[in-house]
Amino acid sequence: MLAAPVSSLLLPVAMLVLMWPSQKLSEACSCSPVHPQQAFCNADIVIRAKAITGKEVDSGNDVYGNPIKRIQYEIKQIKFVYLFDNAILSPALTLHFPFTAPSGKADGDGKMHVTLCDFIVPWDSLSPTQKKSLNQRYEMGCECKISRCPSIPCLVSSQDECLWTDWVTEKNINGRQAKHYACIKRTDGSCSWYRGVAPPKQEFLDIEDP
């Protein structure tokens, strides 16, 4: 899901979770899987955008002299789903398009760049819980830690941790926990998986088995 091919960005309507400032560009095959909530909490800006056109552009050469190609997209119908407090608002971040992939940073000519390791998915492919969580739920758990379980056995190491087991239970990182659960912080500081579109009950926040 996160190591998406460039062609997936051509979908008419996509949810893009952009990380700013981004880390050094990595190849798609080296991206570590992350739960959608992690992608949300690690991002400075979360937007829903419609990509209308895309074209291949030259972007210099790599260290071996091979040409680097990027896909440049024109975007419209931008909606800021979430803007974190520490985001640096500047013209290059907020208003100047098109987007270019892959890169991972903004340059001085007013363009924002998205890497293949960012969370880029069609809006219509998100579950109702994911859509609701992007607007409200994920934010409630940004102080929690989501740890991916690569194999059995695996255990949580602290009370503020949620164990992500989709890979070991379903052999798919886009499984039930990714689609239907958010890791929510409770009143005692512990974190636990919460399922559902409705807001968590106070009993859940005050320690109730999920």
N, C-alpha and C. Protein backbone atom coordinates (compact mmCIF):
# COMPACT_ATOMS: atom_id res chain seq x y z
N MET A 1 0.83 -1.20 0.00
CA MET A 1 0.00 0.00 0.00
C MET A 1 0.86 1.25 0.00
N LEU A 2 1.94 1.26 0.79
CA LEU A 2 2.75 2.46 0.87
C LEU A 2 3.79 2.51 -0.24
N ALA A 3 4.25 1.33 -0.67
CA ALA A 3 5.21 1.30 -1.76
C ALA A 3 4.47 1.30 -3.08
N ALA A 4 3.72 2.35 -3.31
CA ALA A 4 2.84 2.42 -4.47
C ALA A 4 3.62 2.75 -5.72
N PRO A 5 3.27 2.13 -6.86
CA PRO A 5 3.91 2.51 -8.12
C PRO A 5 3.49 3.90 -8.54
N VAL A 6 4.32 4.54 -9.37
CA VAL A 6 4.01 5.89 -9.81
C VAL A 6 2.66 5.96 -10.49
N SER A 7 2.29 4.91 -11.23
CA SER A 7 1.04 4.94 -11.98
C SER A 7 -0.17 5.12 -11.08
N SER A 8 -0.05 4.73 -9.81
CA SER A 8 -1.21 4.85 -8.92
C SER A 8 -1.57 6.29 -8.67
N LEU A 9 -0.65 7.21 -8.89
CA LEU A 9 -0.93 8.61 -8.66
C LEU A 9 -1.83 9.20 -9.74
N LEU A 10 -2.06 8.46 -10.80
CA LEU A 10 -2.91 8.96 -11.88
C LEU A 10 -4.39 8.74 -11.61
N LEU A 11 -4.72 8.09 -10.51
CA LEU A 11 -6.12 7.87 -10.19
C LEU A 11 -6.83 9.21 -10.03
N PRO A 12 -8.10 9.30 -10.47
CA PRO A 12 -8.79 10.59 -10.49
C PRO A 12 -8.84 11.28 -9.14
N VAL A 13 -9.15 10.54 -8.09
CA VAL A 13 -9.23 11.15 -6.76
C VAL A 13 -8.37 10.35 -5.81
N ALA A 14 -7.45 11.00 -5.13
CA ALA A 14 -6.56 10.29 -4.22
C ALA A 14 -6.43 11.03 -2.91
N MET A 15 -6.17 10.27 -1.85
CA MET A 15 -5.84 10.86 -0.57
C MET A 15 -4.32 10.83 -0.45
N LEU A 16 -3.72 11.96 -0.28
CA LEU A 16 -2.28 12.04 -0.17
C LEU A 16 -1.92 12.48 1.24
N VAL A 17 -1.09 11.73 1.91
CA VAL A 17 -0.55 12.15 3.19
C VAL A 17 0.89 12.54 2.94
N LEU A 18 1.18 13.81 3.08
CA LEU A 18 2.48 14.34 2.74
C LEU A 18 3.31 14.58 3.99
N MET A 19 4.56 14.16 3.98
CA MET A 19 5.44 14.35 5.12
C MET A 19 6.37 15.52 4.85
N TRP A 20 6.39 16.48 5.75
CA TRP A 20 7.23 17.66 5.57
C TRP A 20 7.85 18.07 6.89
N PRO A 21 9.16 18.26 7.02
CA PRO A 21 10.13 17.97 5.96
C PRO A 21 10.32 16.48 5.81
N SER A 22 10.58 16.05 4.61
CA SER A 22 10.69 14.62 4.37
C SER A 22 12.11 14.14 4.58
N GLN A 23 12.24 12.82 4.73
CA GLN A 23 13.55 12.22 4.85
C GLN A 23 14.13 12.01 3.46
N LYS A 24 15.37 11.55 3.44
CA LYS A 24 16.05 11.29 2.17
C LYS A 24 15.25 10.28 1.36
N LEU A 25 15.18 10.52 0.07
CA LEU A 25 14.40 9.66 -0.82
C LEU A 25 14.89 8.22 -0.76
N SER A 26 13.95 7.30 -0.64
CA SER A 26 14.25 5.88 -0.66
C SER A 26 13.53 5.25 -1.83
N GLU A 27 14.07 4.16 -2.32
CA GLU A 27 13.39 3.44 -3.37
C GLU A 27 12.14 2.79 -2.79
N ALA A 28 11.14 2.58 -3.66
CA ALA A 28 9.87 2.06 -3.19
C ALA A 28 10.03 0.73 -2.47
N CYS A 29 10.97 -0.11 -2.94
CA CYS A 29 11.11 -1.43 -2.36
C CYS A 29 11.69 -1.38 -0.96
N SER A 30 12.27 -0.25 -0.55
CA SER A 30 12.88 -0.17 0.77
C SER A 30 12.00 0.56 1.78
N CYS A 31 10.79 0.91 1.39
CA CYS A 31 9.90 1.61 2.30
C CYS A 31 9.40 0.64 3.37
N SER A 32 9.48 1.04 4.62
CA SER A 32 8.97 0.22 5.71
C SER A 32 7.45 0.39 5.80
N PRO A 33 6.71 -0.72 5.87
CA PRO A 33 5.25 -0.60 5.98
C PRO A 33 4.86 0.16 7.25
N VAL A 34 3.88 1.02 7.14
CA VAL A 34 3.37 1.73 8.31
C VAL A 34 1.85 1.68 8.31
N HIS A 35 1.28 1.65 9.48
CA HIS A 35 -0.17 1.73 9.64
C HIS A 35 -0.63 3.11 9.17
N PRO A 36 -1.82 3.24 8.57
CA PRO A 36 -2.29 4.56 8.12
C PRO A 36 -2.23 5.63 9.21
N GLN A 37 -2.47 5.23 10.45
CA GLN A 37 -2.39 6.20 11.55
C GLN A 37 -0.97 6.73 11.71
N GLN A 38 0.03 5.86 11.53
CA GLN A 38 1.42 6.31 11.61
C GLN A 38 1.73 7.30 10.51
N ALA A 39 1.25 7.01 9.29
CA ALA A 39 1.47 7.94 8.18
C ALA A 39 0.84 9.29 8.49
N PHE A 40 -0.35 9.27 9.06
CA PHE A 40 -1.05 10.50 9.43
C PHE A 40 -0.26 11.27 10.49
N CYS A 41 0.14 10.59 11.54
CA CYS A 41 0.80 11.27 12.66
C CYS A 41 2.20 11.74 12.31
N ASN A 42 2.85 11.11 11.34
CA ASN A 42 4.19 11.52 10.93
C ASN A 42 4.17 12.64 9.90
N ALA A 43 2.98 12.98 9.40
CA ALA A 43 2.86 14.00 8.36
C ALA A 43 2.62 15.37 8.98
N ASP A 44 3.06 16.39 8.28
CA ASP A 44 2.73 17.76 8.66
C ASP A 44 1.46 18.22 7.98
N ILE A 45 1.20 17.68 6.79
CA ILE A 45 0.04 18.10 6.01
C ILE A 45 -0.67 16.86 5.49
N VAL A 46 -1.99 16.83 5.62
CA VAL A 46 -2.81 15.77 5.06
C VAL A 46 -3.80 16.41 4.11
N ILE A 47 -3.79 16.00 2.85
CA ILE A 47 -4.68 16.62 1.88
C ILE A 47 -5.43 15.57 1.08
N ARG A 48 -6.59 15.98 0.58
CA ARG A 48 -7.32 15.21 -0.42
C ARG A 48 -7.27 16.01 -1.70
N ALA A 49 -6.81 15.38 -2.78
CA ALA A 49 -6.58 16.12 -4.01
C ALA A 49 -7.02 15.32 -5.22
N LYS A 50 -7.32 16.03 -6.29
CA LYS A 50 -7.67 15.41 -7.56
C LYS A 50 -6.57 15.71 -8.56
N ALA A 51 -5.94 14.64 -9.06
CA ALA A 51 -4.90 14.79 -10.07
C ALA A 51 -5.56 14.74 -11.44
N ILE A 52 -5.35 15.81 -12.24
CA ILE A 52 -6.04 15.86 -13.52
C ILE A 52 -5.17 15.42 -14.69
N THR A 53 -3.91 15.84 -14.69
CA THR A 53 -3.01 15.45 -15.78
C THR A 53 -1.66 15.04 -15.21
N GLY A 54 -0.96 14.24 -15.98
CA GLY A 54 0.38 13.82 -15.58
C GLY A 54 1.29 13.73 -16.79
N LYS A 55 2.53 14.14 -16.63
CA LYS A 55 3.48 14.05 -17.73
C LYS A 55 4.86 13.72 -17.20
N GLU A 56 5.65 13.03 -18.01
CA GLU A 56 7.01 12.68 -17.64
C GLU A 56 7.95 13.84 -17.92
N VAL A 57 8.80 14.16 -16.94
CA VAL A 57 9.74 15.27 -17.11
C VAL A 57 11.14 14.79 -16.76
N ASP A 58 12.14 15.42 -17.37
CA ASP A 58 13.54 15.11 -17.06
C ASP A 58 13.95 15.80 -15.77
N SER A 59 14.79 15.12 -15.00
CA SER A 59 15.25 15.69 -13.73
C SER A 59 16.73 15.42 -13.53
N GLY A 60 17.53 15.66 -14.58
CA GLY A 60 18.96 15.48 -14.46
C GLY A 60 19.37 14.02 -14.57
N ASN A 61 20.56 13.71 -14.05
CA ASN A 61 21.11 12.36 -14.12
C ASN A 61 21.49 11.87 -12.73
N ASP A 62 21.51 10.55 -12.57
CA ASP A 62 21.96 9.99 -11.30
C ASP A 62 23.49 9.93 -11.28
N VAL A 63 24.05 9.36 -10.22
CA VAL A 63 25.51 9.33 -10.06
C VAL A 63 26.20 8.53 -11.15
N TYR A 64 25.46 7.67 -11.84
CA TYR A 64 26.04 6.86 -12.91
C TYR A 64 25.81 7.47 -14.29
N GLY A 65 25.20 8.65 -14.32
CA GLY A 65 24.96 9.32 -15.59
C GLY A 65 23.66 8.93 -16.26
N ASN A 66 22.86 8.10 -15.62
CA ASN A 66 21.58 7.70 -16.20
C ASN A 66 20.55 8.80 -15.98
N PRO A 67 19.71 9.06 -16.99
CA PRO A 67 18.69 10.11 -16.83
C PRO A 67 17.67 9.75 -15.76
N ILE A 68 17.26 10.75 -15.00
CA ILE A 68 16.23 10.57 -13.97
C ILE A 68 14.92 11.12 -14.50
N LYS A 69 13.90 10.30 -14.48
CA LYS A 69 12.58 10.72 -14.95
C LYS A 69 11.65 10.87 -13.75
N ARG A 70 10.81 11.89 -13.80
CA ARG A 70 9.79 12.08 -12.79
C ARG A 70 8.44 12.25 -13.48
N ILE A 71 7.39 11.96 -12.74
CA ILE A 71 6.04 12.19 -13.24
C ILE A 71 5.50 13.43 -12.55
N GLN A 72 5.11 14.42 -13.34
CA GLN A 72 4.61 15.68 -12.80
C GLN A 72 3.10 15.75 -13.00
N TYR A 73 2.37 16.08 -11.94
CA TYR A 73 0.91 16.08 -11.98
C TYR A 73 0.36 17.46 -11.69
N GLU A 74 -0.68 17.81 -12.41
CA GLU A 74 -1.42 19.02 -12.08
C GLU A 74 -2.56 18.63 -11.15
N ILE A 75 -2.74 19.42 -10.10
CA ILE A 75 -3.69 19.10 -9.04
C ILE A 75 -4.75 20.17 -8.95
N LYS A 76 -5.99 19.76 -8.67
CA LYS A 76 -7.02 20.74 -8.35
C LYS A 76 -7.93 20.16 -7.27
N GLN A 77 -8.87 20.97 -6.80
CA GLN A 77 -9.78 20.58 -5.72
C GLN A 77 -9.00 20.14 -4.49
N ILE A 78 -8.09 20.98 -4.05
CA ILE A 78 -7.30 20.68 -2.88
C ILE A 78 -8.12 20.91 -1.62
N LYS A 79 -8.08 19.96 -0.72
CA LYS A 79 -8.72 20.11 0.59
C LYS A 79 -7.72 19.72 1.66
N PHE A 80 -7.44 20.65 2.58
CA PHE A 80 -6.58 20.32 3.69
C PHE A 80 -7.40 19.57 4.73
N VAL A 81 -7.11 18.28 4.90
CA VAL A 81 -7.80 17.48 5.90
C VAL A 81 -7.24 17.80 7.28
N TYR A 82 -5.92 17.96 7.35
CA TYR A 82 -5.31 18.27 8.64
C TYR A 82 -4.00 18.99 8.42
N LEU A 83 -3.74 19.94 9.29
CA LEU A 83 -2.49 20.70 9.25
C LEU A 83 -1.94 20.72 10.67
N PHE A 84 -0.80 20.06 10.86
CA PHE A 84 -0.23 19.97 12.20
C PHE A 84 0.37 21.30 12.62
N ASP A 85 0.41 21.52 13.93
CA ASP A 85 0.84 22.80 14.49
C ASP A 85 2.26 23.16 14.08
N ASN A 86 3.11 22.14 13.91
CA ASN A 86 4.51 22.44 13.61
C ASN A 86 4.79 22.56 12.12
N ALA A 87 3.73 22.52 11.29
CA ALA A 87 3.93 22.67 9.85
C ALA A 87 4.37 24.10 9.54
N ILE A 88 5.30 24.23 8.62
CA ILE A 88 5.78 25.54 8.21
C ILE A 88 4.97 25.97 7.00
N LEU A 89 4.11 26.95 7.17
CA LEU A 89 3.27 27.40 6.07
C LEU A 89 4.03 28.39 5.20
N SER A 90 4.20 28.04 3.96
CA SER A 90 4.85 28.92 3.01
C SER A 90 4.21 28.67 1.66
N PRO A 91 4.39 29.57 0.70
CA PRO A 91 3.78 29.33 -0.62
C PRO A 91 4.16 27.99 -1.22
N ALA A 92 5.40 27.55 -1.00
CA ALA A 92 5.83 26.28 -1.58
C ALA A 92 5.08 25.11 -0.98
N LEU A 93 4.56 25.27 0.24
CA LEU A 93 3.86 24.17 0.89
C LEU A 93 2.37 24.18 0.62
N THR A 94 1.78 25.35 0.48
CA THR A 94 0.32 25.41 0.52
C THR A 94 -0.36 25.63 -0.82
N LEU A 95 0.20 26.44 -1.66
CA LEU A 95 -0.57 26.89 -2.82
C LEU A 95 0.05 26.58 -4.17
N HIS A 96 1.29 26.23 -4.19
CA HIS A 96 1.97 26.12 -5.48
C HIS A 96 2.06 24.66 -5.92
N PHE A 97 1.52 24.39 -7.06
CA PHE A 97 1.49 23.06 -7.63
C PHE A 97 1.99 23.17 -9.08
N PRO A 98 2.31 22.10 -9.80
CA PRO A 98 1.94 20.72 -9.55
C PRO A 98 2.85 19.99 -8.57
N PHE A 99 2.41 18.76 -8.23
CA PHE A 99 3.22 17.86 -7.43
C PHE A 99 4.13 17.07 -8.36
N THR A 100 5.24 16.62 -7.84
CA THR A 100 6.17 15.81 -8.61
C THR A 100 6.54 14.57 -7.80
N ALA A 101 6.59 13.42 -8.44
CA ALA A 101 6.98 12.20 -7.75
C ALA A 101 7.96 11.43 -8.64
N PRO A 102 8.98 10.76 -8.09
CA PRO A 102 9.30 10.79 -6.67
C PRO A 102 10.39 11.82 -6.38
N SER A 103 10.38 12.41 -5.21
CA SER A 103 11.45 13.30 -4.81
C SER A 103 11.59 13.32 -3.31
N GLY A 104 10.66 13.99 -2.61
CA GLY A 104 10.71 13.99 -1.18
C GLY A 104 11.04 15.32 -0.56
N LYS A 105 11.06 16.40 -1.35
CA LYS A 105 11.36 17.71 -0.79
C LYS A 105 10.80 18.79 -1.70
N ALA A 106 10.69 19.98 -1.16
CA ALA A 106 10.25 21.11 -1.97
C ALA A 106 11.46 21.87 -2.46
N ASP A 107 11.36 22.42 -3.66
CA ASP A 107 12.46 23.21 -4.17
C ASP A 107 12.07 24.67 -4.16
N GLY A 108 12.94 25.50 -4.70
CA GLY A 108 12.71 26.93 -4.62
C GLY A 108 11.80 27.50 -5.67
N ASP A 109 11.27 26.67 -6.56
CA ASP A 109 10.44 27.21 -7.63
C ASP A 109 8.95 27.02 -7.36
N GLY A 110 8.59 26.81 -6.09
CA GLY A 110 7.18 26.74 -5.74
C GLY A 110 6.52 25.41 -6.01
N LYS A 111 7.28 24.32 -5.97
CA LYS A 111 6.70 23.00 -6.20
C LYS A 111 6.84 22.14 -4.94
N MET A 112 5.83 21.34 -4.69
CA MET A 112 5.85 20.39 -3.59
C MET A 112 6.08 19.01 -4.15
N HIS A 113 6.86 18.20 -3.45
CA HIS A 113 7.21 16.88 -3.95
C HIS A 113 6.69 15.78 -3.03
N VAL A 114 6.26 14.68 -3.63
CA VAL A 114 5.74 13.53 -2.91
C VAL A 114 6.59 12.32 -3.26
N THR A 115 7.00 11.55 -2.26
CA THR A 115 7.79 10.36 -2.53
C THR A 115 6.90 9.13 -2.62
N LEU A 116 7.44 8.06 -3.18
CA LEU A 116 6.69 6.82 -3.29
C LEU A 116 6.46 6.18 -1.93
N CYS A 117 7.19 6.63 -0.92
CA CYS A 117 7.00 6.08 0.43
C CYS A 117 5.91 6.81 1.20
N ASP A 118 5.36 7.89 0.64
CA ASP A 118 4.27 8.57 1.31
C ASP A 118 2.98 7.75 1.16
N PHE A 119 1.98 8.08 1.96
CA PHE A 119 0.70 7.38 1.95
C PHE A 119 -0.16 7.96 0.84
N ILE A 120 -0.31 7.22 -0.26
CA ILE A 120 -1.02 7.70 -1.44
C ILE A 120 -2.03 6.63 -1.85
N VAL A 121 -3.30 6.89 -1.60
CA VAL A 121 -4.33 5.89 -1.90
C VAL A 121 -5.56 6.56 -2.49
N PRO A 122 -6.33 5.85 -3.33
CA PRO A 122 -7.60 6.40 -3.82
C PRO A 122 -8.57 6.60 -2.66
N TRP A 123 -9.23 7.74 -2.63
CA TRP A 123 -10.17 8.05 -1.55
C TRP A 123 -11.26 6.99 -1.45
N ASP A 124 -11.78 6.54 -2.60
CA ASP A 124 -12.88 5.58 -2.58
C ASP A 124 -12.46 4.20 -2.07
N SER A 125 -11.15 3.94 -2.01
CA SER A 125 -10.69 2.64 -1.51
C SER A 125 -10.57 2.61 0.01
N LEU A 126 -10.68 3.78 0.66
CA LEU A 126 -10.59 3.82 2.12
C LEU A 126 -11.88 3.30 2.75
N SER A 127 -11.75 2.63 3.87
CA SER A 127 -12.93 2.17 4.60
C SER A 127 -13.60 3.35 5.29
N PRO A 128 -14.89 3.23 5.66
CA PRO A 128 -15.55 4.32 6.40
C PRO A 128 -14.79 4.71 7.66
N THR A 129 -14.21 3.72 8.34
CA THR A 129 -13.44 4.03 9.55
C THR A 129 -12.20 4.85 9.22
N GLN A 130 -11.51 4.51 8.13
CA GLN A 130 -10.32 5.27 7.74
C GLN A 130 -10.67 6.70 7.39
N LYS A 131 -11.77 6.90 6.67
CA LYS A 131 -12.18 8.26 6.31
C LYS A 131 -12.50 9.07 7.56
N LYS A 132 -13.20 8.45 8.49
CA LYS A 132 -13.53 9.14 9.74
C LYS A 132 -12.27 9.40 10.55
N SER A 133 -11.37 8.44 10.56
CA SER A 133 -10.15 8.57 11.36
C SER A 133 -9.24 9.65 10.83
N LEU A 134 -9.21 9.83 9.52
CA LEU A 134 -8.37 10.88 8.94
C LEU A 134 -8.85 12.26 9.35
N ASN A 135 -10.12 12.39 9.64
CA ASN A 135 -10.67 13.68 10.07
C ASN A 135 -10.66 13.85 11.58
N GLN A 136 -10.70 12.76 12.34
CA GLN A 136 -10.81 12.89 13.80
C GLN A 136 -9.99 11.86 14.57
N ARG A 137 -10.18 10.58 14.29
CA ARG A 137 -9.74 9.54 15.20
C ARG A 137 -8.22 9.40 15.33
N TYR A 138 -7.50 9.41 14.21
CA TYR A 138 -6.06 9.19 14.28
C TYR A 138 -5.36 10.20 15.18
N GLU A 139 -5.86 11.43 15.16
CA GLU A 139 -5.23 12.48 15.96
C GLU A 139 -5.25 12.14 17.44
N MET A 140 -6.26 11.39 17.88
CA MET A 140 -6.37 11.02 19.29
C MET A 140 -5.27 10.07 19.73
N GLY A 141 -4.57 9.46 18.76
CA GLY A 141 -3.56 8.47 19.12
C GLY A 141 -2.17 8.81 18.66
N CYS A 142 -1.92 10.06 18.32
CA CYS A 142 -0.60 10.41 17.80
C CYS A 142 0.50 10.32 18.86
N GLU A 143 0.12 10.27 20.13
CA GLU A 143 1.12 10.07 21.18
C GLU A 143 1.36 8.59 21.45
N CYS A 144 0.60 7.74 20.79
CA CYS A 144 0.78 6.29 20.93
C CYS A 144 1.81 5.79 19.92
N LYS A 145 2.32 4.61 20.18
CA LYS A 145 3.29 3.98 19.28
C LYS A 145 2.66 2.73 18.70
N ILE A 146 2.70 2.61 17.38
CA ILE A 146 2.21 1.41 16.70
C ILE A 146 3.41 0.60 16.23
N SER A 147 3.53 -0.63 16.72
CA SER A 147 4.66 -1.48 16.38
C SER A 147 4.19 -2.64 15.51
N ARG A 148 4.83 -2.80 14.37
CA ARG A 148 4.46 -3.89 13.45
C ARG A 148 5.04 -5.20 13.95
N CYS A 149 4.21 -6.22 13.97
CA CYS A 149 4.63 -7.56 14.37
C CYS A 149 5.04 -8.32 13.11
N PRO A 150 6.35 -8.56 12.89
CA PRO A 150 6.79 -9.25 11.67
C PRO A 150 6.64 -10.76 11.74
N SER A 151 6.65 -11.32 12.95
CA SER A 151 6.53 -12.76 13.12
C SER A 151 6.12 -13.06 14.56
N ILE A 152 5.60 -14.25 14.75
CA ILE A 152 5.19 -14.71 16.08
C ILE A 152 6.37 -15.40 16.75
N PRO A 153 6.61 -15.16 18.06
CA PRO A 153 5.85 -14.30 18.97
C PRO A 153 6.31 -12.85 18.89
N CYS A 154 5.43 -11.93 19.27
CA CYS A 154 5.79 -10.52 19.41
C CYS A 154 4.97 -9.93 20.54
N LEU A 155 5.58 -9.05 21.30
CA LEU A 155 4.94 -8.49 22.49
C LEU A 155 5.11 -6.99 22.51
N VAL A 156 4.19 -6.31 23.18
CA VAL A 156 4.35 -4.87 23.38
C VAL A 156 5.41 -4.64 24.44
N SER A 157 6.13 -3.53 24.30
CA SER A 157 7.21 -3.24 25.25
C SER A 157 6.84 -2.14 26.23
N SER A 158 5.72 -1.45 26.00
CA SER A 158 5.29 -0.40 26.91
C SER A 158 3.78 -0.24 26.81
N GLN A 159 3.18 0.43 27.79
CA GLN A 159 1.73 0.55 27.84
C GLN A 159 1.17 1.50 26.79
N ASP A 160 2.04 2.34 26.22
CA ASP A 160 1.56 3.28 25.20
C ASP A 160 1.75 2.74 23.79
N GLU A 161 1.79 1.42 23.66
CA GLU A 161 2.08 0.77 22.38
C GLU A 161 0.92 -0.11 21.95
N CYS A 162 0.61 -0.08 20.65
CA CYS A 162 -0.37 -0.99 20.04
C CYS A 162 0.37 -1.90 19.07
N LEU A 163 0.08 -3.18 19.13
CA LEU A 163 0.75 -4.16 18.29
C LEU A 163 -0.03 -4.35 16.99
N TRP A 164 0.62 -4.09 15.86
CA TRP A 164 0.00 -4.21 14.54
C TRP A 164 0.31 -5.58 13.98
N THR A 165 -0.70 -6.44 13.89
CA THR A 165 -0.48 -7.85 13.56
C THR A 165 -1.04 -8.26 12.20
N ASP A 166 -1.43 -7.32 11.37
CA ASP A 166 -2.03 -7.67 10.07
C ASP A 166 -1.14 -8.62 9.26
N TRP A 167 0.16 -8.39 9.28
CA TRP A 167 1.04 -9.19 8.42
C TRP A 167 1.08 -10.65 8.87
N VAL A 168 1.16 -10.88 10.18
CA VAL A 168 1.26 -12.26 10.66
C VAL A 168 -0.09 -12.98 10.63
N THR A 169 -1.18 -12.24 10.73
CA THR A 169 -2.50 -12.88 10.75
C THR A 169 -3.13 -13.01 9.37
N GLU A 170 -2.81 -12.07 8.47
CA GLU A 170 -3.45 -12.07 7.15
C GLU A 170 -2.46 -12.04 5.99
N LYS A 171 -1.15 -11.93 6.30
CA LYS A 171 -0.13 -11.79 5.26
C LYS A 171 -0.43 -10.61 4.35
N ASN A 172 -0.92 -9.54 4.96
CA ASN A 172 -1.33 -8.36 4.21
C ASN A 172 -1.24 -7.16 5.15
N ILE A 173 -0.50 -6.12 4.74
CA ILE A 173 -0.37 -4.95 5.62
C ILE A 173 -1.62 -4.08 5.58
N ASN A 174 -2.51 -4.34 4.63
CA ASN A 174 -3.76 -3.59 4.54
C ASN A 174 -4.91 -4.45 5.05
N GLY A 175 -4.72 -5.01 6.24
CA GLY A 175 -5.71 -5.92 6.81
C GLY A 175 -6.71 -5.22 7.71
N ARG A 176 -7.29 -5.99 8.64
CA ARG A 176 -8.37 -5.48 9.48
C ARG A 176 -7.92 -4.31 10.36
N GLN A 177 -6.74 -4.43 10.95
CA GLN A 177 -6.29 -3.35 11.83
C GLN A 177 -6.02 -2.07 11.05
N ALA A 178 -5.47 -2.21 9.85
CA ALA A 178 -5.21 -1.02 9.03
C ALA A 178 -6.51 -0.38 8.56
N LYS A 179 -7.50 -1.19 8.24
CA LYS A 179 -8.75 -0.67 7.67
C LYS A 179 -9.75 -0.21 8.72
N HIS A 180 -9.76 -0.86 9.87
CA HIS A 180 -10.87 -0.65 10.80
C HIS A 180 -10.48 -0.21 12.21
N TYR A 181 -9.20 -0.07 12.49
CA TYR A 181 -8.79 0.23 13.86
C TYR A 181 -7.91 1.47 13.93
N ALA A 182 -8.01 2.15 15.07
CA ALA A 182 -7.11 3.25 15.41
C ALA A 182 -6.56 2.97 16.80
N CYS A 183 -5.32 3.33 17.03
CA CYS A 183 -4.68 3.16 18.33
C CYS A 183 -4.95 4.43 19.14
N ILE A 184 -5.77 4.31 20.18
CA ILE A 184 -6.26 5.46 20.93
C ILE A 184 -5.62 5.53 22.31
N LYS A 185 -5.29 6.74 22.73
CA LYS A 185 -4.73 6.93 24.07
C LYS A 185 -5.85 7.04 25.09
N ARG A 186 -5.72 6.31 26.20
CA ARG A 186 -6.71 6.33 27.26
C ARG A 186 -6.33 7.34 28.34
N THR A 187 -7.25 7.51 29.29
CA THR A 187 -7.04 8.54 30.32
C THR A 187 -5.87 8.22 31.24
N ASP A 188 -5.50 6.94 31.37
CA ASP A 188 -4.38 6.58 32.25
C ASP A 188 -3.04 6.60 31.52
N GLY A 189 -3.04 7.02 30.25
CA GLY A 189 -1.81 7.10 29.48
C GLY A 189 -1.52 5.88 28.65
N SER A 190 -2.27 4.79 28.84
CA SER A 190 -2.06 3.59 28.02
C SER A 190 -2.75 3.76 26.67
N CYS A 191 -2.39 2.91 25.73
CA CYS A 191 -2.97 2.96 24.39
C CYS A 191 -3.58 1.61 24.05
N SER A 192 -4.66 1.63 23.27
CA SER A 192 -5.33 0.39 22.89
C SER A 192 -6.02 0.58 21.55
N TRP A 193 -6.16 -0.52 20.82
CA TRP A 193 -6.87 -0.48 19.56
C TRP A 193 -8.35 -0.18 19.79
N TYR A 194 -8.90 0.69 18.94
CA TYR A 194 -10.33 1.00 18.98
C TYR A 194 -10.90 0.80 17.59
N ARG A 195 -12.03 0.09 17.53
CA ARG A 195 -12.67 -0.14 16.24
C ARG A 195 -14.01 0.58 16.20
N GLY A 196 -14.30 1.18 15.07
CA GLY A 196 -15.61 1.79 14.90
C GLY A 196 -15.53 3.22 14.42
N VAL A 197 -16.62 3.67 13.76
CA VAL A 197 -16.71 5.03 13.27
C VAL A 197 -17.16 5.97 14.38
N ALA A 198 -18.00 5.47 15.29
CA ALA A 198 -18.51 6.29 16.38
C ALA A 198 -17.39 6.66 17.35
N PRO A 199 -17.49 7.81 18.02
CA PRO A 199 -16.47 8.21 19.00
C PRO A 199 -16.35 7.17 20.11
N PRO A 200 -15.14 6.98 20.65
CA PRO A 200 -14.98 6.03 21.76
C PRO A 200 -15.82 6.42 22.97
N LYS A 201 -16.42 5.43 23.61
CA LYS A 201 -17.17 5.69 24.83
C LYS A 201 -16.22 6.09 25.95
N GLN A 202 -16.73 6.82 26.92
CA GLN A 202 -15.90 7.20 28.05
C GLN A 202 -15.40 5.97 28.80
N GLU A 203 -16.22 4.91 28.80
CA GLU A 203 -15.80 3.68 29.46
C GLU A 203 -14.56 3.09 28.81
N PHE A 204 -14.47 3.24 27.48
CA PHE A 204 -13.28 2.75 26.78
C PHE A 204 -12.07 3.57 27.17
N LEU A 205 -12.24 4.88 27.19
CA LEU A 205 -11.12 5.75 27.54
C LEU A 205 -10.70 5.57 28.99
N ASP A 206 -11.65 5.16 29.84
CA ASP A 206 -11.36 4.94 31.26
C ASP A 206 -11.05 3.48 31.56
N ILE A 207 -10.50 2.78 30.60
CA ILE A 207 -10.09 1.38 30.72
C ILE A 207 -11.28 0.43 30.65
N GLU A 208 -11.50 -0.01 29.45
CA GLU A 208 -12.49 -1.06 29.17
C GLU A 208 -11.87 -1.94 28.11
N ASP A 209 -11.98 -3.25 28.25
CA ASP A 209 -11.40 -4.14 27.26
C ASP A 209 -12.00 -3.84 25.90
N PRO A 210 -11.16 -3.66 24.85
CA PRO A 210 -11.68 -3.34 23.52
C PRO A 210 -12.44 -4.52 22.92
